[in-house]
Amino acid sequence: MLGNHEIIVIAIVVLILFGAGAIPKFAKSLGKAKKEFENGVKEGSQGDDTAIAKEKES
């Protein structure tokens, strides 16, 4: 598992390689991806519930 010192070193390396402007863009895209994933999981579980209900009706 990563400790605090390793995380700080990784953050500094990322800042050096990509610059400070890239971090907000990365965080925004990560947030969008997380939201899309959660929506997909929710839609998938709703689809499963609908399929089960249709199966029970048959």
PDB file of N, CA and C in Angstrom:
ATOM      1  N   MET A   1       0.846  -1.189   0.000  1.00  0.00           N
ATOM      2  CA  MET A   1       0.000   0.000   0.000  1.00  0.00           C
ATOM      3  C   MET A   1       0.880   1.237   0.000  1.00  0.00           C
ATOM      4  N   LEU A   2       0.410   2.268  -0.649  1.00  0.00           N
ATOM      5  CA  LEU A   2       1.180   3.503  -0.725  1.00  0.00           C
ATOM      6  C   LEU A   2       1.044   4.315   0.552  1.00  0.00           C
ATOM      7  N   GLY A   3       2.158   4.853   1.002  1.00  0.00           N
ATOM      8  CA  GLY A   3       2.152   5.717   2.167  1.00  0.00           C
ATOM      9  C   GLY A   3       2.075   7.176   1.752  1.00  0.00           C
ATOM     10  N   ASN A   4       2.094   8.050   2.734  1.00  0.00           N
ATOM     11  CA  ASN A   4       1.986   9.480   2.458  1.00  0.00           C
ATOM     12  C   ASN A   4       3.158  10.000   1.643  1.00  0.00           C
ATOM     13  N   HIS A   5       4.352   9.540   1.962  1.00  0.00           N
ATOM     14  CA  HIS A   5       5.534  10.023   1.252  1.00  0.00           C
ATOM     15  C   HIS A   5       5.502   9.627  -0.218  1.00  0.00           C
ATOM     16  N   GLU A   6       5.069   8.418  -0.513  1.00  0.00           N
ATOM     17  CA  GLU A   6       5.001   7.969  -1.896  1.00  0.00           C
ATOM     18  C   GLU A   6       3.972   8.763  -2.679  1.00  0.00           C
ATOM     19  N   ILE A   7       2.848   9.049  -2.073  1.00  0.00           N
ATOM     20  CA  ILE A   7       1.793   9.820  -2.740  1.00  0.00           C
ATOM     21  C   ILE A   7       2.287  11.231  -3.045  1.00  0.00           C
ATOM     22  N   ILE A   8       3.002  11.835  -2.118  1.00  0.00           N
ATOM     23  CA  ILE A   8       3.540  13.178  -2.336  1.00  0.00           C
ATOM     24  C   ILE A   8       4.543  13.177  -3.489  1.00  0.00           C
ATOM     25  N   VAL A   9       5.415  12.174  -3.525  1.00  0.00           N
ATOM     26  CA  VAL A   9       6.396  12.078  -4.605  1.00  0.00           C
ATOM     27  C   VAL A   9       5.694  11.898  -5.943  1.00  0.00           C
ATOM     28  N   ILE A  10       4.690  11.059  -5.994  1.00  0.00           N
ATOM     29  CA  ILE A  10       3.940  10.845  -7.243  1.00  0.00           C
ATOM     30  C   ILE A  10       3.261  12.133  -7.673  1.00  0.00           C
ATOM     31  N   ALA A  11       2.670  12.876  -6.729  1.00  0.00           N
ATOM     32  CA  ALA A  11       2.018  14.144  -7.066  1.00  0.00           C
ATOM     33  C   ALA A  11       3.015  15.148  -7.628  1.00  0.00           C
ATOM     34  N   ILE A  12       4.200  15.209  -7.063  1.00  0.00           N
ATOM     35  CA  ILE A  12       5.229  16.136  -7.557  1.00  0.00           C
ATOM     36  C   ILE A  12       5.668  15.746  -8.963  1.00  0.00           C
ATOM     37  N   VAL A  13       5.850  14.455  -9.199  1.00  0.00           N
ATOM     38  CA  VAL A  13       6.253  13.989 -10.532  1.00  0.00           C
ATOM     39  C   VAL A  13       5.165  14.317 -11.550  1.00  0.00           C
ATOM     40  N   VAL A  14       3.916  14.121 -11.190  1.00  0.00           N
ATOM     41  CA  VAL A  14       2.806  14.439 -12.103  1.00  0.00           C
ATOM     42  C   VAL A  14       2.794  15.933 -12.405  1.00  0.00           C
ATOM     43  N   LEU A  15       2.993  16.760 -11.390  1.00  0.00           N
ATOM     44  CA  LEU A  15       3.045  18.206 -11.614  1.00  0.00           C
ATOM     45  C   LEU A  15       4.172  18.582 -12.568  1.00  0.00           C
ATOM     46  N   ILE A  16       5.318  17.971 -12.403  1.00  0.00           N
ATOM     47  CA  ILE A  16       6.463  18.281 -13.265  1.00  0.00           C
ATOM     48  C   ILE A  16       6.201  17.821 -14.696  1.00  0.00           C
ATOM     49  N   LEU A  17       5.670  16.612 -14.856  1.00  0.00           N
ATOM     50  CA  LEU A  17       5.473  16.067 -16.200  1.00  0.00           C
ATOM     51  C   LEU A  17       4.342  16.743 -16.967  1.00  0.00           C
ATOM     52  N   PHE A  18       3.224  16.966 -16.312  1.00  0.00           N
ATOM     53  CA  PHE A  18       2.027  17.433 -17.008  1.00  0.00           C
ATOM     54  C   PHE A  18       1.706  18.900 -16.765  1.00  0.00           C
ATOM     55  N   GLY A  19       2.254  19.498 -15.740  1.00  0.00           N
ATOM     56  CA  GLY A  19       1.963  20.887 -15.434  1.00  0.00           C
ATOM     57  C   GLY A  19       0.702  21.015 -14.600  1.00  0.00           C
ATOM     58  N   ALA A  20       0.566  22.181 -13.994  1.00  0.00           N
ATOM     59  CA  ALA A  20      -0.566  22.408 -13.096  1.00  0.00           C
ATOM     60  C   ALA A  20      -1.888  22.522 -13.845  1.00  0.00           C
ATOM     61  N   GLY A  21      -1.853  22.923 -15.112  1.00  0.00           N
ATOM     62  CA  GLY A  21      -3.087  23.084 -15.881  1.00  0.00           C
ATOM     63  C   GLY A  21      -3.754  21.774 -16.252  1.00  0.00           C
ATOM     64  N   ALA A  22      -3.001  20.707 -16.308  1.00  0.00           N
ATOM     65  CA  ALA A  22      -3.557  19.422 -16.727  1.00  0.00           C
ATOM     66  C   ALA A  22      -4.314  18.730 -15.598  1.00  0.00           C
ATOM     67  N   ILE A  23      -3.996  19.051 -14.366  1.00  0.00           N
ATOM     68  CA  ILE A  23      -4.614  18.353 -13.237  1.00  0.00           C
ATOM     69  C   ILE A  23      -6.114  18.629 -13.138  1.00  0.00           C
ATOM     70  N   PRO A  24      -6.582  19.885 -13.255  1.00  0.00           N
ATOM     71  CA  PRO A  24      -8.037  20.098 -13.217  1.00  0.00           C
ATOM     72  C   PRO A  24      -8.771  19.412 -14.373  1.00  0.00           C
ATOM     73  N   LYS A  25      -8.154  19.391 -15.561  1.00  0.00           N
ATOM     74  CA  LYS A  25      -8.763  18.696 -16.698  1.00  0.00           C
ATOM     75  C   LYS A  25      -8.888  17.207 -16.406  1.00  0.00           C
ATOM     76  N   PHE A  26      -7.828  16.641 -15.825  1.00  0.00           N
ATOM     77  CA  PHE A  26      -7.846  15.216 -15.489  1.00  0.00           C
ATOM     78  C   PHE A  26      -8.910  14.925 -14.437  1.00  0.00           C
ATOM     79  N   ALA A  27      -9.004  15.781 -13.422  1.00  0.00           N
ATOM     80  CA  ALA A  27      -9.995  15.575 -12.364  1.00  0.00           C
ATOM     81  C   ALA A  27     -11.414  15.681 -12.917  1.00  0.00           C
ATOM     82  N   LYS A  28     -11.623  16.625 -13.840  1.00  0.00           N
ATOM     83  CA  LYS A  28     -12.950  16.786 -14.446  1.00  0.00           C
ATOM     84  C   LYS A  28     -13.329  15.549 -15.257  1.00  0.00           C
ATOM     85  N   SER A  29     -12.395  15.051 -16.053  1.00  0.00           N
ATOM     86  CA  SER A  29     -12.690  13.868 -16.858  1.00  0.00           C
ATOM     87  C   SER A  29     -12.882  12.636 -15.979  1.00  0.00           C
ATOM     88  N   LEU A  30     -12.148  12.566 -14.886  1.00  0.00           N
ATOM     89  CA  LEU A  30     -12.324  11.454 -13.954  1.00  0.00           C
ATOM     90  C   LEU A  30     -13.708  11.508 -13.310  1.00  0.00           C
ATOM     91  N   GLY A  31     -14.158  12.705 -12.952  1.00  0.00           N
ATOM     92  CA  GLY A  31     -15.502  12.864 -12.382  1.00  0.00           C
ATOM     93  C   GLY A  31     -16.590  12.485 -13.361  1.00  0.00           C
ATOM     94  N   LYS A  32     -16.421  12.878 -14.626  1.00  0.00           N
ATOM     95  CA  LYS A  32     -17.409  12.511 -15.647  1.00  0.00           C
ATOM     96  C   LYS A  32     -17.456  10.998 -15.838  1.00  0.00           C
ATOM     97  N   ALA A  33     -16.290  10.379 -15.872  1.00  0.00           N
ATOM     98  CA  ALA A  33     -16.236   8.931 -16.060  1.00  0.00           C
ATOM     99  C   ALA A  33     -16.908   8.210 -14.898  1.00  0.00           C
ATOM    100  N   LYS A  34     -16.678   8.709 -13.686  1.00  0.00           N
ATOM    101  CA  LYS A  34     -17.303   8.094 -12.504  1.00  0.00           C
ATOM    102  C   LYS A  34     -18.824   8.216 -12.572  1.00  0.00           C
ATOM    103  N   LYS A  35     -19.305   9.399 -12.982  1.00  0.00           N
ATOM    104  CA  LYS A  35     -20.749   9.615 -13.075  1.00  0.00           C
ATOM    105  C   LYS A  35     -21.370   8.702 -14.131  1.00  0.00           C
ATOM    106  N   GLU A  36     -20.708   8.576 -15.296  1.00  0.00           N
ATOM    107  CA  GLU A  36     -21.208   7.706 -16.346  1.00  0.00           C
ATOM    108  C   GLU A  36     -21.219   6.248 -15.897  1.00  0.00           C
ATOM    109  N   PHE A  37     -20.183   5.839 -15.177  1.00  0.00           N
ATOM    110  CA  PHE A  37     -20.125   4.466 -14.676  1.00  0.00           C
ATOM    111  C   PHE A  37     -21.269   4.200 -13.710  1.00  0.00           C
ATOM    112  N   GLU A  38     -21.509   5.137 -12.777  1.00  0.00           N
ATOM    113  CA  GLU A  38     -22.593   4.955 -11.813  1.00  0.00           C
ATOM    114  C   GLU A  38     -23.949   4.906 -12.507  1.00  0.00           C
ATOM    115  N   ASN A  39     -24.146   5.757 -13.532  1.00  0.00           N
ATOM    116  CA  ASN A  39     -25.397   5.723 -14.282  1.00  0.00           C
ATOM    117  C   ASN A  39     -25.559   4.391 -15.007  1.00  0.00           C
ATOM    118  N   GLY A  40     -24.481   3.884 -15.573  1.00  0.00           N
ATOM    119  CA  GLY A  40     -24.537   2.596 -16.256  1.00  0.00           C
ATOM    120  C   GLY A  40     -24.870   1.459 -15.315  1.00  0.00           C
ATOM    121  N   VAL A  41     -24.288   1.491 -14.120  1.00  0.00           N
ATOM    122  CA  VAL A  41     -24.585   0.451 -13.134  1.00  0.00           C
ATOM    123  C   VAL A  41     -26.052   0.533 -12.720  1.00  0.00           C
ATOM    124  N   LYS A  42     -26.544   1.764 -12.518  1.00  0.00           N
ATOM    125  CA  LYS A  42     -27.940   1.937 -12.105  1.00  0.00           C
ATOM    126  C   LYS A  42     -28.890   1.461 -13.199  1.00  0.00           C
ATOM    127  N   GLU A  43     -28.597   1.824 -14.460  1.00  0.00           N
ATOM    128  CA  GLU A  43     -29.435   1.393 -15.570  1.00  0.00           C
ATOM    129  C   GLU A  43     -29.393  -0.120 -15.739  1.00  0.00           C
ATOM    130  N   GLY A  44     -28.231  -0.711 -15.534  1.00  0.00           N
ATOM    131  CA  GLY A  44     -28.102  -2.157 -15.655  1.00  0.00           C
ATOM    132  C   GLY A  44     -28.907  -2.885 -14.604  1.00  0.00           C
ATOM    133  N   SER A  45     -28.885  -2.376 -13.380  1.00  0.00           N
ATOM    134  CA  SER A  45     -29.645  -3.042 -12.323  1.00  0.00           C
ATOM    135  C   SER A  45     -31.140  -2.854 -12.533  1.00  0.00           C
ATOM    136  N   GLN A  46     -31.543  -1.701 -13.082  1.00  0.00           N
ATOM    137  CA  GLN A  46     -32.967  -1.499 -13.372  1.00  0.00           C
ATOM    138  C   GLN A  46     -33.413  -2.428 -14.489  1.00  0.00           C
ATOM    139  N   GLY A  47     -32.545  -2.631 -15.467  1.00  0.00           N
ATOM    140  CA  GLY A  47     -32.861  -3.545 -16.561  1.00  0.00           C
ATOM    141  C   GLY A  47     -33.002  -4.971 -16.067  1.00  0.00           C
ATOM    142  N   ASP A  48     -32.170  -5.361 -15.110  1.00  0.00           N
ATOM    143  CA  ASP A  48     -32.269  -6.696 -14.530  1.00  0.00           C
ATOM    144  C   ASP A  48     -33.593  -6.862 -13.791  1.00  0.00           C
ATOM    145  N   ASP A  49     -34.001  -5.832 -13.047  1.00  0.00           N
ATOM    146  CA  ASP A  49     -35.262  -5.895 -12.313  1.00  0.00           C
ATOM    147  C   ASP A  49     -36.436  -6.021 -13.274  1.00  0.00           C
ATOM    148  N   THR A  50     -36.387  -5.306 -14.378  1.00  0.00           N
ATOM    149  CA  THR A  50     -37.462  -5.358 -15.363  1.00  0.00           C
ATOM    150  C   THR A  50     -37.523  -6.734 -16.001  1.00  0.00           C
ATOM    151  N   ALA A  51     -36.381  -7.298 -16.334  1.00  0.00           N
ATOM    152  CA  ALA A  51     -36.338  -8.626 -16.947  1.00  0.00           C
ATOM    153  C   ALA A  51     -36.876  -9.680 -15.986  1.00  0.00           C
ATOM    154  N   ILE A  52     -36.542  -9.553 -14.711  1.00  0.00           N
ATOM    155  CA  ILE A  52     -37.023 -10.515 -13.710  1.00  0.00           C
ATOM    156  C   ILE A  52     -38.530 -10.406 -13.557  1.00  0.00           C
ATOM    157  N   ALA A  53     -39.061  -9.171 -13.555  1.00  0.00           N
ATOM    158  CA  ALA A  53     -40.498  -8.973 -13.426  1.00  0.00           C
ATOM    159  C   ALA A  53     -41.231  -9.552 -14.624  1.00  0.00           C
ATOM    160  N   LYS A  54     -40.696  -9.360 -15.833  1.00  0.00           N
ATOM    161  CA  LYS A  54     -41.328  -9.919 -17.038  1.00  0.00           C
ATOM    162  C   LYS A  54     -41.294 -11.440 -17.002  1.00  0.00           C
ATOM    163  N   GLU A  55     -40.199 -11.991 -16.486  1.00  0.00           N
ATOM    164  CA  GLU A  55     -40.074 -13.440 -16.390  1.00  0.00           C
ATOM    165  C   GLU A  55     -41.112 -14.017 -15.430  1.00  0.00           C
ATOM    166  N   LYS A  56     -41.346 -13.325 -14.326  1.00  0.00           N
ATOM    167  CA  LYS A  56     -42.307 -13.791 -13.334  1.00  0.00           C
ATOM    168  C   LYS A  56     -43.716 -13.741 -13.873  1.00  0.00           C
ATOM    169  N   GLU A  57     -44.008 -12.734 -14.747  1.00  0.00           N
ATOM    170  CA  GLU A  57     -45.345 -12.600 -15.313  1.00  0.00           C
ATOM    171  C   GLU A  57     -45.653 -13.724 -16.293  1.00  0.00           C
ATOM    172  N   SER A  58     -44.652 -14.270 -16.935  1.00  0.00           N
ATOM    173  CA  SER A  58     -44.860 -15.293 -17.963  1.00  0.00           C
ATOM    174  C   SER A  58     -45.290 -16.606 -17.383  1.00  0.00           C
TER     175      SER A  58
END
